[in-house]
Amino acid sequence: MVNTPTQQLIHDFVSSYWAKNYRSPTFREIQKGAYISSTSIVAYHLDALESRGQIDRIGDHGSPRRIVPGWAKAAIDTAAVNLLGKKL
C-alpha cells in the first residue's frame, strides 16, 4: 500500500530526525515538524506506518516508546549483536 502524503511527510520527518539527532522524535516534535494539527493524527498515521513495517515502535504503552525508521532499526540490531555478541 502506498503512503498518503501525510504519512510520507511523517516518515520522512522521523527518518531525518533520527539521522540528525540519533534519537526518536516525540509525538509533539512530529506534530510540529510535519505540520499536523494534533497528536492524535500523528498517532493514527504512525499506526498505519507501523502496520506496513515502515517504522517500529519499541517499548510498551506505559513508557516512552521509540519510533524507529526501518534503516535505524537495522543499525540498532546490528550494533546490539556486535556489542553483546547476541541479538536482544
C-alpha atoms as a PDB file:
ATOM      1  CA  MET A   1       0.000   0.000   0.000  1.00  0.00           C
ATOM      2  CA  VAL A   2       1.216   3.495  -0.841  1.00  0.00           C
ATOM      3  CA  ASN A   3       1.652   6.126   1.861  1.00  0.00           C
ATOM      4  CA  THR A   4      -0.686   9.088   1.965  1.00  0.00           C
ATOM      5  CA  PRO A   5       1.053  12.461   1.620  1.00  0.00           C
ATOM      6  CA  THR A   6       0.784  12.953   5.405  1.00  0.00           C
ATOM      7  CA  GLN A   7       2.228   9.500   6.123  1.00  0.00           C
ATOM      8  CA  GLN A   8       5.115  10.166   3.752  1.00  0.00           C
ATOM      9  CA  LEU A   9       5.763  13.513   5.438  1.00  0.00           C
ATOM     10  CA  ILE A  10       5.813  11.832   8.866  1.00  0.00           C
ATOM     11  CA  HIS A  11       8.045   9.008   7.617  1.00  0.00           C
ATOM     12  CA  ASP A  12      10.483  11.474   6.069  1.00  0.00           C
ATOM     13  CA  PHE A  13      10.473  13.631   9.218  1.00  0.00           C
ATOM     14  CA  VAL A  14      11.156  10.658  11.515  1.00  0.00           C
ATOM     15  CA  SER A  15      13.970   9.430   9.262  1.00  0.00           C
ATOM     16  CA  SER A  16      15.654  12.822   9.009  1.00  0.00           C
ATOM     17  CA  TYR A  17      15.180  13.453  12.742  1.00  0.00           C
ATOM     18  CA  TRP A  18      16.908  10.150  13.536  1.00  0.00           C
ATOM     19  CA  ALA A  19      19.754  10.943  11.154  1.00  0.00           C
ATOM     20  CA  LYS A  20      20.348  14.333  12.798  1.00  0.00           C
ATOM     21  CA  ASN A  21      19.629  13.595  16.480  1.00  0.00           C
ATOM     22  CA  TYR A  22      20.250   9.834  16.958  1.00  0.00           C
ATOM     23  CA  ARG A  23      17.006   9.500  18.905  1.00  0.00           C
ATOM     24  CA  SER A  24      13.276   9.250  18.337  1.00  0.00           C
ATOM     25  CA  PRO A  25      11.209  12.369  17.930  1.00  0.00           C
ATOM     26  CA  THR A  26       8.322  12.856  20.345  1.00  0.00           C
ATOM     27  CA  PHE A  27       4.751  12.987  19.085  1.00  0.00           C
ATOM     28  CA  ARG A  28       4.828  16.771  19.643  1.00  0.00           C
ATOM     29  CA  GLU A  29       8.044  17.089  17.634  1.00  0.00           C
ATOM     30  CA  ILE A  30       6.476  15.083  14.797  1.00  0.00           C
ATOM     31  CA  GLN A  31       3.318  17.204  15.034  1.00  0.00           C
ATOM     32  CA  LYS A  32       5.313  20.423  14.740  1.00  0.00           C
ATOM     33  CA  GLY A  33       7.848  19.142  12.181  1.00  0.00           C
ATOM     34  CA  ALA A  34       5.251  17.633   9.871  1.00  0.00           C
ATOM     35  CA  TYR A  35       2.747  20.496  10.288  1.00  0.00           C
ATOM     36  CA  ILE A  36      -0.012  18.308  11.726  1.00  0.00           C
ATOM     37  CA  SER A  37      -2.880  19.725  13.772  1.00  0.00           C
ATOM     38  CA  SER A  38      -2.962  17.194  16.641  1.00  0.00           C
ATOM     39  CA  THR A  39      -1.006  14.378  18.237  1.00  0.00           C
ATOM     40  CA  SER A  40      -3.954  12.019  17.705  1.00  0.00           C
ATOM     41  CA  ILE A  41      -3.498  12.424  13.946  1.00  0.00           C
ATOM     42  CA  VAL A  42       0.222  11.720  14.403  1.00  0.00           C
ATOM     43  CA  ALA A  43      -0.670   8.533  16.305  1.00  0.00           C
ATOM     44  CA  TYR A  44      -3.128   7.453  13.596  1.00  0.00           C
ATOM     45  CA  HIS A  45      -0.542   7.795  10.843  1.00  0.00           C
ATOM     46  CA  LEU A  46       2.225   6.169  12.915  1.00  0.00           C
ATOM     47  CA  ASP A  47      -0.088   3.172  13.410  1.00  0.00           C
ATOM     48  CA  ALA A  48      -0.511   2.928   9.630  1.00  0.00           C
ATOM     49  CA  LEU A  49       3.252   3.191   9.016  1.00  0.00           C
ATOM     50  CA  GLU A  50       3.938   0.571  11.681  1.00  0.00           C
ATOM     51  CA  SER A  51       1.354  -1.839  10.272  1.00  0.00           C
ATOM     52  CA  ARG A  52       3.198  -1.676   6.927  1.00  0.00           C
ATOM     53  CA  GLY A  53       6.584  -2.262   8.550  1.00  0.00           C
ATOM     54  CA  GLN A  54       7.959   1.152   7.616  1.00  0.00           C
ATOM     55  CA  ILE A  55       8.644   2.080  11.243  1.00  0.00           C
ATOM     56  CA  ASP A  56       8.910   0.201  14.525  1.00  0.00           C
ATOM     57  CA  ARG A  57       7.728   1.476  17.862  1.00  0.00           C
ATOM     58  CA  ILE A  58       9.764  -0.100  20.614  1.00  0.00           C
ATOM     59  CA  GLY A  59       8.523  -0.185  24.207  1.00  0.00           C
ATOM     60  CA  ASP A  60       5.115  -0.607  25.773  1.00  0.00           C
ATOM     61  CA  HIS A  61       2.318   1.916  26.153  1.00  0.00           C
ATOM     62  CA  GLY A  62       3.234   2.579  29.804  1.00  0.00           C
ATOM     63  CA  SER A  63       6.648   4.000  28.970  1.00  0.00           C
ATOM     64  CA  PRO A  64       8.041   6.295  26.297  1.00  0.00           C
ATOM     65  CA  ARG A  65       8.194   4.426  23.016  1.00  0.00           C
ATOM     66  CA  ARG A  66      10.974   4.828  20.490  1.00  0.00           C
ATOM     67  CA  ILE A  67       9.807   5.490  16.950  1.00  0.00           C
ATOM     68  CA  VAL A  68      12.417   3.917  14.716  1.00  0.00           C
ATOM     69  CA  PRO A  69      12.604   4.063  10.903  1.00  0.00           C
ATOM     70  CA  GLY A  70      13.480   0.777   9.231  1.00  0.00           C
ATOM     71  CA  TRP A  71      17.075   1.731   8.390  1.00  0.00           C
ATOM     72  CA  ALA A  72      17.764   2.784  12.002  1.00  0.00           C
ATOM     73  CA  LYS A  73      16.215  -0.410  13.406  1.00  0.00           C
ATOM     74  CA  ALA A  74      18.611  -2.494  11.314  1.00  0.00           C
ATOM     75  CA  ALA A  75      21.562  -0.412  12.556  1.00  0.00           C
ATOM     76  CA  ILE A  76      20.425  -0.746  16.186  1.00  0.00           C
ATOM     77  CA  ASP A  77      20.040  -4.526  15.820  1.00  0.00           C
ATOM     78  CA  THR A  78      23.491  -4.817  14.225  1.00  0.00           C
ATOM     79  CA  ALA A  79      25.077  -2.718  16.980  1.00  0.00           C
ATOM     80  CA  ALA A  80      23.401  -4.840  19.668  1.00  0.00           C
ATOM     81  CA  VAL A  81      24.701  -8.034  18.092  1.00  0.00           C
ATOM     82  CA  ASN A  82      28.211  -6.621  17.736  1.00  0.00           C
ATOM     83  CA  LEU A  83      28.253  -5.190  21.238  1.00  0.00           C
ATOM     84  CA  LEU A  84      26.781  -8.124  23.095  1.00  0.00           C
ATOM     85  CA  GLY A  85      27.635 -10.992  20.766  1.00  0.00           C
ATOM     86  CA  LYS A  86      23.958 -11.927  20.526  1.00  0.00           C
ATOM     87  CA  LYS A  87      20.721 -10.433  19.327  1.00  0.00           C
ATOM     88  CA  LEU A  88      18.473  -8.992  22.019  1.00  0.00           C
END
